[in-house]
């Protein structure tokens, strides 16, 4: 187990595939982007169901807890079209995000494949990656559509990304802000890294490394070799 910067950096010399969650991992929760998106989900649920706003918010949170993603609950119980749902977020202002040169350099030094594994859709992912100045650094995006709308932490989502990219869990590291999403990764044999201000408080045995900020952790990690972006 480790927290933040380890002496000499975390030993990740066995890793050749790097999986990164998107929201609140490649950028911090404190940016405020999630706070902009959540009310739009509530708006969607409120309009769809006719519930009062407090009840719509309660249903939103219940579906998130029960299904791992509010959208999954809306699809299962209300027949919501995922494209219609995702369009709700495609014009969310991203001015709260700025290019992160330190993160770009830290990602660029990682050997092997870099993949995004997100419960968001392709359009939102592209917009965020571009806003952070990280375009061109990732080999692929495995988004919620790629997973057949099986969201993390569903074992199905993990099985599908493993199959799609022929991942070897023993040489894969997964970076996430949501602790519960790391459990199935650890069960598969992946190295797990919890990211965010809350990470130091985690005592979950399936969390192998913890860091409040992604870039410094990657900068100091011991890896197989440095590569160019």
Foldseek 3Di string as FASTA:
>chain_A
DAEAADVLAAALALAAEEEEEFPCFLDHVVLCLVVQVLVLQLVVQCVQPVDDSVVSSVLQVVCCVVQVHSVVVCCVPPVDDVVVVLVSCLPRDPPSAAADPLQLQLLQFAHHAYEYEYQHDDSVRVVRCVRNVNPPSHPYYCYCVVLVNRHPPDLSSVVSVCVVPVDQQLRYEYEEQDPRRQVSSVVSNHAYEHEAPCFVVDPDPSHRYYYRHDSSNSVSYDYNGTHGD
